[in-house]
Amino acid sequence: MSQHHIALFTFTLGSTESISPDALRAMWVNASGSGNVSVGRKNPEGTWRDRPIYTLYASQSLANLPEVEHRLRRALEGAHLHATLTGLH
């Protein structure tokens, strides 16, 4: 991840769902309209959460975040993933 990337979105998936890092990055590149992005996944151990938390990172200068979020939500739905998406911007 670039030192100039910031976290823009986090999400969790349904308890039986998962997405590979490559598939997630491709979805994020498409939704953001930028190849300068990265993704992360944390498995929070010892907490009440039993599902991984996915984080999407991009440059601070990524434009039109509401439209990016809309495209991302559509992409998740199109992949039949039940995501709880949170914008951090």
PDB file of N, CA and C in Angstrom:
ATOM      1  N   MET A   1       0.845  -1.174   0.000  1.00  0.00           N
ATOM      2  CA  MET A   1       0.000   0.000   0.000  1.00  0.00           C
ATOM      3  C   MET A   1       0.888   1.233   0.000  1.00  0.00           C
ATOM      4  N   SER A   2       0.536   2.198  -0.811  1.00  0.00           N
ATOM      5  CA  SER A   2       1.282   3.443  -0.886  1.00  0.00           C
ATOM      6  C   SER A   2       1.143   4.219   0.418  1.00  0.00           C
ATOM      7  N   GLN A   3       2.186   4.936   0.781  1.00  0.00           N
ATOM      8  CA  GLN A   3       2.107   5.738   2.000  1.00  0.00           C
ATOM      9  C   GLN A   3       1.116   6.886   1.852  1.00  0.00           C
ATOM     10  N   HIS A   4       0.709   7.194   0.616  1.00  0.00           N
ATOM     11  CA  HIS A   4      -0.229   8.279   0.389  1.00  0.00           C
ATOM     12  C   HIS A   4      -1.670   7.795   0.290  1.00  0.00           C
ATOM     13  N   HIS A   5      -1.895   6.504   0.485  1.00  0.00           N
ATOM     14  CA  HIS A   5      -3.252   5.972   0.482  1.00  0.00           C
ATOM     15  C   HIS A   5      -3.894   6.166   1.847  1.00  0.00           C
ATOM     16  N   ILE A   6      -5.185   6.410   1.829  1.00  0.00           N
ATOM     17  CA  ILE A   6      -5.958   6.483   3.059  1.00  0.00           C
ATOM     18  C   ILE A   6      -7.126   5.512   2.937  1.00  0.00           C
ATOM     19  N   ALA A   7      -7.637   5.084   4.072  1.00  0.00           N
ATOM     20  CA  ALA A   7      -8.805   4.204   4.083  1.00  0.00           C
ATOM     21  C   ALA A   7     -10.038   5.030   3.727  1.00  0.00           C
ATOM     22  N   LEU A   8     -10.778   4.586   2.725  1.00  0.00           N
ATOM     23  CA  LEU A   8     -11.980   5.302   2.303  1.00  0.00           C
ATOM     24  C   LEU A   8     -13.265   4.544   2.617  1.00  0.00           C
ATOM     25  N   PHE A   9     -13.206   3.224   2.605  1.00  0.00           N
ATOM     26  CA  PHE A   9     -14.384   2.407   2.882  1.00  0.00           C
ATOM     27  C   PHE A   9     -13.966   1.167   3.662  1.00  0.00           C
ATOM     28  N   THR A  10     -14.852   0.711   4.528  1.00  0.00           N
ATOM     29  CA  THR A  10     -14.718  -0.601   5.142  1.00  0.00           C
ATOM     30  C   THR A  10     -16.031  -1.332   4.928  1.00  0.00           C
ATOM     31  N   PHE A  11     -15.945  -2.645   4.947  1.00  0.00           N
ATOM     32  CA  PHE A  11     -17.175  -3.422   4.868  1.00  0.00           C
ATOM     33  C   PHE A  11     -16.968  -4.815   5.414  1.00  0.00           C
ATOM     34  N   THR A  12     -18.067  -5.437   5.762  1.00  0.00           N
ATOM     35  CA  THR A  12     -18.092  -6.848   6.126  1.00  0.00           C
ATOM     36  C   THR A  12     -19.055  -7.527   5.167  1.00  0.00           C
ATOM     37  N   LEU A  13     -18.902  -8.824   5.046  1.00  0.00           N
ATOM     38  CA  LEU A  13     -19.781  -9.621   4.197  1.00  0.00           C
ATOM     39  C   LEU A  13     -20.633 -10.529   5.069  1.00  0.00           C
ATOM     40  N   GLY A  14     -21.625 -11.129   4.452  1.00  0.00           N
ATOM     41  CA  GLY A  14     -22.438 -12.106   5.158  1.00  0.00           C
ATOM     42  C   GLY A  14     -21.568 -13.216   5.726  1.00  0.00           C
ATOM     43  N   SER A  15     -22.060 -13.899   6.724  1.00  0.00           N
ATOM     44  CA  SER A  15     -21.253 -14.873   7.466  1.00  0.00           C
ATOM     45  C   SER A  15     -20.733 -16.026   6.617  1.00  0.00           C
ATOM     46  N   THR A  16     -21.358 -16.318   5.502  1.00  0.00           N
ATOM     47  CA  THR A  16     -20.889 -17.420   4.650  1.00  0.00           C
ATOM     48  C   THR A  16     -20.227 -16.923   3.372  1.00  0.00           C
ATOM     49  N   GLU A  17     -19.970 -15.625   3.279  1.00  0.00           N
ATOM     50  CA  GLU A  17     -19.429 -15.040   2.054  1.00  0.00           C
ATOM     51  C   GLU A  17     -17.971 -14.653   2.217  1.00  0.00           C
ATOM     52  N   SER A  18     -17.275 -14.614   1.085  1.00  0.00           N
ATOM     53  CA  SER A  18     -15.878 -14.211   1.061  1.00  0.00           C
ATOM     54  C   SER A  18     -15.559 -13.685  -0.335  1.00  0.00           C
ATOM     55  N   ILE A  19     -14.458 -12.957  -0.447  1.00  0.00           N
ATOM     56  CA  ILE A  19     -13.985 -12.471  -1.739  1.00  0.00           C
ATOM     57  C   ILE A  19     -12.467 -12.520  -1.719  1.00  0.00           C
ATOM     58  N   SER A  20     -11.880 -12.929  -2.818  1.00  0.00           N
ATOM     59  CA  SER A  20     -10.423 -13.015  -2.885  1.00  0.00           C
ATOM     60  C   SER A  20      -9.821 -11.612  -2.998  1.00  0.00           C
ATOM     61  N   PRO A  21      -8.571 -11.448  -2.586  1.00  0.00           N
ATOM     62  CA  PRO A  21      -7.924 -10.139  -2.715  1.00  0.00           C
ATOM     63  C   PRO A  21      -7.889  -9.643  -4.160  1.00  0.00           C
ATOM     64  N   ASP A  22      -7.626 -10.536  -5.101  1.00  0.00           N
ATOM     65  CA  ASP A  22      -7.566 -10.118  -6.509  1.00  0.00           C
ATOM     66  C   ASP A  22      -8.929  -9.664  -7.019  1.00  0.00           C
ATOM     67  N   ALA A  23      -9.978 -10.411  -6.672  1.00  0.00           N
ATOM     68  CA  ALA A  23     -11.327 -10.037  -7.106  1.00  0.00           C
ATOM     69  C   ALA A  23     -11.756  -8.722  -6.455  1.00  0.00           C
ATOM     70  N   LEU A  24     -11.422  -8.550  -5.186  1.00  0.00           N
ATOM     71  CA  LEU A  24     -11.777  -7.313  -4.490  1.00  0.00           C
ATOM     72  C   LEU A  24     -11.037  -6.126  -5.093  1.00  0.00           C
ATOM     73  N   ARG A  25      -9.756  -6.305  -5.364  1.00  0.00           N
ATOM     74  CA  ARG A  25      -8.983  -5.197  -5.950  1.00  0.00           C
ATOM     75  C   ARG A  25      -9.545  -4.839  -7.325  1.00  0.00           C
ATOM     76  N   ALA A  26      -9.891  -5.830  -8.133  1.00  0.00           N
ATOM     77  CA  ALA A  26     -10.458  -5.555  -9.459  1.00  0.00           C
ATOM     78  C   ALA A  26     -11.781  -4.795  -9.327  1.00  0.00           C
ATOM     79  N   MET A  27     -12.598  -5.179  -8.376  1.00  0.00           N
ATOM     80  CA  MET A  27     -13.867  -4.490  -8.152  1.00  0.00           C
ATOM     81  C   MET A  27     -13.612  -3.046  -7.715  1.00  0.00           C
ATOM     82  N   TRP A  28     -12.634  -2.849  -6.839  1.00  0.00           N
ATOM     83  CA  TRP A  28     -12.309  -1.527  -6.321  1.00  0.00           C
ATOM     84  C   TRP A  28     -11.711  -0.638  -7.422  1.00  0.00           C
ATOM     85  N   VAL A  29     -10.843  -1.195  -8.260  1.00  0.00           N
ATOM     86  CA  VAL A  29     -10.284  -0.443  -9.391  1.00  0.00           C
ATOM     87  C   VAL A  29     -11.415   0.032 -10.301  1.00  0.00           C
ATOM     88  N   ASN A  30     -12.329  -0.847 -10.605  1.00  0.00           N
ATOM     89  CA  ASN A  30     -13.448  -0.507 -11.477  1.00  0.00           C
ATOM     90  C   ASN A  30     -14.347   0.565 -10.842  1.00  0.00           C
ATOM     91  N   ALA A  31     -14.682   0.401  -9.589  1.00  0.00           N
ATOM     92  CA  ALA A  31     -15.569   1.357  -8.913  1.00  0.00           C
ATOM     93  C   ALA A  31     -14.906   2.720  -8.726  1.00  0.00           C
ATOM     94  N   SER A  32     -13.607   2.710  -8.426  1.00  0.00           N
ATOM     95  CA  SER A  32     -12.906   3.973  -8.154  1.00  0.00           C
ATOM     96  C   SER A  32     -12.463   4.682  -9.422  1.00  0.00           C
ATOM     97  N   GLY A  33     -12.321   3.911 -10.521  1.00  0.00           N
ATOM     98  CA  GLY A  33     -11.817   4.494 -11.756  1.00  0.00           C
ATOM     99  C   GLY A  33     -10.333   4.789 -11.692  1.00  0.00           C
ATOM    100  N   SER A  34      -9.626   4.137 -10.770  1.00  0.00           N
ATOM    101  CA  SER A  34      -8.199   4.383 -10.581  1.00  0.00           C
ATOM    102  C   SER A  34      -7.473   3.062 -10.344  1.00  0.00           C
ATOM    103  N   GLY A  35      -6.296   2.946 -10.903  1.00  0.00           N
ATOM    104  CA  GLY A  35      -5.460   1.788 -10.620  1.00  0.00           C
ATOM    105  C   GLY A  35      -4.589   1.986  -9.393  1.00  0.00           C
ATOM    106  N   ASN A  36      -4.592   3.207  -8.852  1.00  0.00           N
ATOM    107  CA  ASN A  36      -3.784   3.551  -7.692  1.00  0.00           C
ATOM    108  C   ASN A  36      -4.589   3.318  -6.410  1.00  0.00           C
ATOM    109  N   VAL A  37      -4.931   2.057  -6.176  1.00  0.00           N
ATOM    110  CA  VAL A  37      -5.735   1.680  -5.016  1.00  0.00           C
ATOM    111  C   VAL A  37      -5.143   0.428  -4.384  1.00  0.00           C
ATOM    112  N   SER A  38      -5.567   0.127  -3.181  1.00  0.00           N
ATOM    113  CA  SER A  38      -5.167  -1.109  -2.524  1.00  0.00           C
ATOM    114  C   SER A  38      -6.301  -1.574  -1.621  1.00  0.00           C
ATOM    115  N   VAL A  39      -6.207  -2.826  -1.203  1.00  0.00           N
ATOM    116  CA  VAL A  39      -7.240  -3.427  -0.364  1.00  0.00           C
ATOM    117  C   VAL A  39      -6.583  -4.111   0.822  1.00  0.00           C
ATOM    118  N   GLY A  40      -7.351  -4.297   1.872  1.00  0.00           N
ATOM    119  CA  GLY A  40      -6.858  -5.000   3.049  1.00  0.00           C
ATOM    120  C   GLY A  40      -7.968  -5.812   3.685  1.00  0.00           C
ATOM    121  N   ARG A  41      -7.559  -6.773   4.492  1.00  0.00           N
ATOM    122  CA  ARG A  41      -8.509  -7.623   5.211  1.00  0.00           C
ATOM    123  C   ARG A  41      -7.931  -7.927   6.582  1.00  0.00           C
ATOM    124  N   LYS A  42      -8.762  -7.751   7.604  1.00  0.00           N
ATOM    125  CA  LYS A  42      -8.361  -8.087   8.970  1.00  0.00           C
ATOM    126  C   LYS A  42      -9.352  -9.091   9.523  1.00  0.00           C
ATOM    127  N   ASN A  43      -8.832 -10.063  10.224  1.00  0.00           N
ATOM    128  CA  ASN A  43      -9.672 -11.007  10.952  1.00  0.00           C
ATOM    129  C   ASN A  43      -9.569 -10.639  12.423  1.00  0.00           C
ATOM    130  N   PRO A  44     -10.529  -9.883  12.923  1.00  0.00           N
ATOM    131  CA  PRO A  44     -10.436  -9.417  14.316  1.00  0.00           C
ATOM    132  C   PRO A  44     -10.630 -10.565  15.301  1.00  0.00           C
ATOM    133  N   GLU A  45      -9.539 -11.026  15.859  1.00  0.00           N
ATOM    134  CA  GLU A  45      -9.588 -12.121  16.822  1.00  0.00           C
ATOM    135  C   GLU A  45      -9.864 -11.584  18.221  1.00  0.00           C
ATOM    136  N   GLY A  46     -10.595 -12.363  18.976  1.00  0.00           N
ATOM    137  CA  GLY A  46     -10.871 -11.993  20.358  1.00  0.00           C
ATOM    138  C   GLY A  46     -11.864 -10.868  20.503  1.00  0.00           C
ATOM    139  N   THR A  47     -12.649 -10.603  19.461  1.00  0.00           N
ATOM    140  CA  THR A  47     -13.677  -9.569  19.554  1.00  0.00           C
ATOM    141  C   THR A  47     -15.027 -10.200  19.292  1.00  0.00           C
ATOM    142  N   TRP A  48     -16.063  -9.428  19.408  1.00  0.00           N
ATOM    143  CA  TRP A  48     -17.419  -9.929  19.166  1.00  0.00           C
ATOM    144  C   TRP A  48     -17.667 -10.179  17.686  1.00  0.00           C
ATOM    145  N   ARG A  49     -16.839  -9.590  16.829  1.00  0.00           N
ATOM    146  CA  ARG A  49     -16.998  -9.791  15.384  1.00  0.00           C
ATOM    147  C   ARG A  49     -16.392 -11.123  14.980  1.00  0.00           C
ATOM    148  N   ASP A  50     -17.139 -11.868  14.198  1.00  0.00           N
ATOM    149  CA  ASP A  50     -16.596 -13.131  13.720  1.00  0.00           C
ATOM    150  C   ASP A  50     -16.346 -13.109  12.224  1.00  0.00           C
ATOM    151  N   ARG A  51     -16.536 -11.946  11.609  1.00  0.00           N
ATOM    152  CA  ARG A  51     -16.340 -11.825  10.166  1.00  0.00           C
ATOM    153  C   ARG A  51     -15.175 -10.883   9.875  1.00  0.00           C
ATOM    154  N   PRO A  52     -14.457 -11.135   8.794  1.00  0.00           N
ATOM    155  CA  PRO A  52     -13.361 -10.245   8.429  1.00  0.00           C
ATOM    156  C   PRO A  52     -13.872  -8.838   8.099  1.00  0.00           C
ATOM    157  N   ILE A  53     -13.008  -7.879   8.316  1.00  0.00           N
ATOM    158  CA  ILE A  53     -13.286  -6.495   7.936  1.00  0.00           C
ATOM    159  C   ILE A  53     -12.391  -6.172   6.748  1.00  0.00           C
ATOM    160  N   TYR A  54     -13.001  -5.809   5.644  1.00  0.00           N
ATOM    161  CA  TYR A  54     -12.281  -5.446   4.427  1.00  0.00           C
ATOM    162  C   TYR A  54     -12.156  -3.923   4.394  1.00  0.00           C
ATOM    163  N   THR A  55     -10.986  -3.424   3.985  1.00  0.00           N
ATOM    164  CA  THR A  55     -10.753  -1.991   3.894  1.00  0.00           C
ATOM    165  C   THR A  55     -10.253  -1.664   2.498  1.00  0.00           C
ATOM    166  N   LEU A  56     -10.806  -0.590   1.938  1.00  0.00           N
ATOM    167  CA  LEU A  56     -10.432  -0.130   0.601  1.00  0.00           C
ATOM    168  C   LEU A  56      -9.694   1.194   0.732  1.00  0.00           C
ATOM    169  N   TYR A  57      -8.522   1.249   0.131  1.00  0.00           N
ATOM    170  CA  TYR A  57      -7.641   2.407   0.239  1.00  0.00           C
ATOM    171  C   TYR A  57      -7.442   3.047  -1.131  1.00  0.00           C
ATOM    172  N   ALA A  58      -7.260   4.366  -1.118  1.00  0.00           N
ATOM    173  CA  ALA A  58      -6.951   5.097  -2.342  1.00  0.00           C
ATOM    174  C   ALA A  58      -6.314   6.427  -1.960  1.00  0.00           C
ATOM    175  N   SER A  59      -5.945   7.158  -2.968  1.00  0.00           N
ATOM    176  CA  SER A  59      -5.360   8.480  -2.773  1.00  0.00           C
ATOM    177  C   SER A  59      -6.398   9.425  -2.170  1.00  0.00           C
ATOM    178  N   GLN A  60      -5.921  10.364  -1.374  1.00  0.00           N
ATOM    179  CA  GLN A  60      -6.806  11.392  -0.807  1.00  0.00           C
ATOM    180  C   GLN A  60      -7.510  12.184  -1.889  1.00  0.00           C
ATOM    181  N   SER A  61      -6.903  12.249  -3.049  1.00  0.00           N
ATOM    182  CA  SER A  61      -7.454  13.083  -4.123  1.00  0.00           C
ATOM    183  C   SER A  61      -8.454  12.341  -5.005  1.00  0.00           C
ATOM    184  N   LEU A  62      -8.861  11.133  -4.619  1.00  0.00           N
ATOM    185  CA  LEU A  62      -9.856  10.403  -5.400  1.00  0.00           C
ATOM    186  C   LEU A  62     -11.127  11.242  -5.475  1.00  0.00           C
ATOM    187  N   ALA A  63     -11.572  11.520  -6.697  1.00  0.00           N
ATOM    188  CA  ALA A  63     -12.687  12.449  -6.914  1.00  0.00           C
ATOM    189  C   ALA A  63     -14.043  11.753  -6.835  1.00  0.00           C
ATOM    190  N   ASN A  64     -15.062  12.551  -6.547  1.00  0.00           N
ATOM    191  CA  ASN A  64     -16.467  12.164  -6.589  1.00  0.00           C
ATOM    192  C   ASN A  64     -16.757  10.904  -5.776  1.00  0.00           C
ATOM    193  N   LEU A  65     -16.452  10.963  -4.496  1.00  0.00           N
ATOM    194  CA  LEU A  65     -16.629   9.800  -3.630  1.00  0.00           C
ATOM    195  C   LEU A  65     -18.072   9.292  -3.558  1.00  0.00           C
ATOM    196  N   PRO A  66     -19.082  10.149  -3.581  1.00  0.00           N
ATOM    197  CA  PRO A  66     -20.447   9.607  -3.594  1.00  0.00           C
ATOM    198  C   PRO A  66     -20.725   8.718  -4.809  1.00  0.00           C
ATOM    199  N   GLU A  67     -20.220   9.088  -5.980  1.00  0.00           N
ATOM    200  CA  GLU A  67     -20.414   8.264  -7.172  1.00  0.00           C
ATOM    201  C   GLU A  67     -19.576   6.986  -7.080  1.00  0.00           C
ATOM    202  N   VAL A  68     -18.373   7.087  -6.553  1.00  0.00           N
ATOM    203  CA  VAL A  68     -17.526   5.902  -6.345  1.00  0.00           C
ATOM    204  C   VAL A  68     -18.249   4.927  -5.412  1.00  0.00           C
ATOM    205  N   GLU A  69     -18.813   5.442  -4.337  1.00  0.00           N
ATOM    206  CA  GLU A  69     -19.540   4.596  -3.390  1.00  0.00           C
ATOM    207  C   GLU A  69     -20.732   3.929  -4.069  1.00  0.00           C
ATOM    208  N   HIS A  70     -21.449   4.670  -4.886  1.00  0.00           N
ATOM    209  CA  HIS A  70     -22.597   4.115  -5.608  1.00  0.00           C
ATOM    210  C   HIS A  70     -22.155   2.970  -6.524  1.00  0.00           C
ATOM    211  N   ARG A  71     -21.078   3.174  -7.275  1.00  0.00           N
ATOM    212  CA  ARG A  71     -20.572   2.121  -8.157  1.00  0.00           C
ATOM    213  C   ARG A  71     -20.102   0.906  -7.357  1.00  0.00           C
ATOM    214  N   LEU A  72     -19.481   1.148  -6.215  1.00  0.00           N
ATOM    215  CA  LEU A  72     -19.007   0.058  -5.372  1.00  0.00           C
ATOM    216  C   LEU A  72     -20.181  -0.757  -4.833  1.00  0.00           C
ATOM    217  N   ARG A  73     -21.211  -0.085  -4.370  1.00  0.00           N
ATOM    218  CA  ARG A  73     -22.401  -0.798  -3.883  1.00  0.00           C
ATOM    219  C   ARG A  73     -23.026  -1.639  -4.992  1.00  0.00           C
ATOM    220  N   ARG A  74     -23.119  -1.077  -6.191  1.00  0.00           N
ATOM    221  CA  ARG A  74     -23.674  -1.823  -7.332  1.00  0.00           C
ATOM    222  C   ARG A  74     -22.807  -3.036  -7.658  1.00  0.00           C
ATOM    223  N   ALA A  75     -21.495  -2.870  -7.593  1.00  0.00           N
ATOM    224  CA  ALA A  75     -20.589  -3.980  -7.892  1.00  0.00           C
ATOM    225  C   ALA A  75     -20.740  -5.099  -6.869  1.00  0.00           C
ATOM    226  N   LEU A  76     -20.843  -4.754  -5.600  1.00  0.00           N
ATOM    227  CA  LEU A  76     -21.031  -5.759  -4.554  1.00  0.00           C
ATOM    228  C   LEU A  76     -22.354  -6.498  -4.748  1.00  0.00           C
ATOM    229  N   GLU A  77     -23.404  -5.742  -5.059  1.00  0.00           N
ATOM    230  CA  GLU A  77     -24.708  -6.363  -5.323  1.00  0.00           C
ATOM    231  C   GLU A  77     -24.636  -7.249  -6.560  1.00  0.00           C
ATOM    232  N   GLY A  78     -23.970  -6.781  -7.613  1.00  0.00           N
ATOM    233  CA  GLY A  78     -23.837  -7.549  -8.840  1.00  0.00           C
ATOM    234  C   GLY A  78     -23.087  -8.856  -8.635  1.00  0.00           C
ATOM    235  N   ALA A  79     -22.196  -8.881  -7.651  1.00  0.00           N
ATOM    236  CA  ALA A  79     -21.448 -10.094  -7.317  1.00  0.00           C
ATOM    237  C   ALA A  79     -22.217 -10.959  -6.313  1.00  0.00           C
ATOM    238  N   HIS A  80     -23.430 -10.540  -5.995  1.00  0.00           N
ATOM    239  CA  HIS A  80     -24.299 -11.259  -5.046  1.00  0.00           C
ATOM    240  C   HIS A  80     -23.665 -11.372  -3.665  1.00  0.00           C
ATOM    241  N   LEU A  81     -22.993 -10.287  -3.257  1.00  0.00           N
ATOM    242  CA  LEU A  81     -22.397 -10.215  -1.931  1.00  0.00           C
ATOM    243  C   LEU A  81     -23.238  -9.284  -1.066  1.00  0.00           C
ATOM    244  N   HIS A  82     -23.571  -9.733   0.118  1.00  0.00           N
ATOM    245  CA  HIS A  82     -24.367  -8.936   1.046  1.00  0.00           C
ATOM    246  C   HIS A  82     -23.417  -8.180   1.971  1.00  0.00           C
ATOM    247  N   ALA A  83     -23.046  -6.983   1.545  1.00  0.00           N
ATOM    248  CA  ALA A  83     -22.036  -6.204   2.266  1.00  0.00           C
ATOM    249  C   ALA A  83     -22.674  -5.125   3.127  1.00  0.00           C
ATOM    250  N   THR A  84     -22.045  -4.894   4.263  1.00  0.00           N
ATOM    251  CA  THR A  84     -22.364  -3.743   5.089  1.00  0.00           C
ATOM    252  C   THR A  84     -21.210  -2.772   4.891  1.00  0.00           C
ATOM    253  N   LEU A  85     -21.444  -1.772   4.025  1.00  0.00           N
ATOM    254  CA  LEU A  85     -20.400  -0.845   3.594  1.00  0.00           C
ATOM    255  C   LEU A  85     -20.465   0.440   4.418  1.00  0.00           C
ATOM    256  N   THR A  86     -19.305   0.912   4.865  1.00  0.00           N
ATOM    257  CA  THR A  86     -19.217   2.160   5.613  1.00  0.00           C
ATOM    258  C   THR A  86     -18.211   3.074   4.940  1.00  0.00           C
ATOM    259  N   GLY A  87     -18.643   4.296   4.616  1.00  0.00           N
ATOM    260  CA  GLY A  87     -17.731   5.289   4.078  1.00  0.00           C
ATOM    261  C   GLY A  87     -16.976   5.961   5.199  1.00  0.00           C
ATOM    262  N   LEU A  88     -15.682   6.135   5.020  1.00  0.00           N
ATOM    263  CA  LEU A  88     -14.845   6.780   6.033  1.00  0.00           C
ATOM    264  C   LEU A  88     -14.473   8.205   5.632  1.00  0.00           C
ATOM    265  N   HIS A  89     -15.013   8.663   4.546  1.00  0.00           N
ATOM    266  CA  HIS A  89     -14.656   9.972   4.007  1.00  0.00           C
ATOM    267  C   HIS A  89     -15.575  11.043   4.519  1.00  0.00           C
TER     268      HIS A  89
END
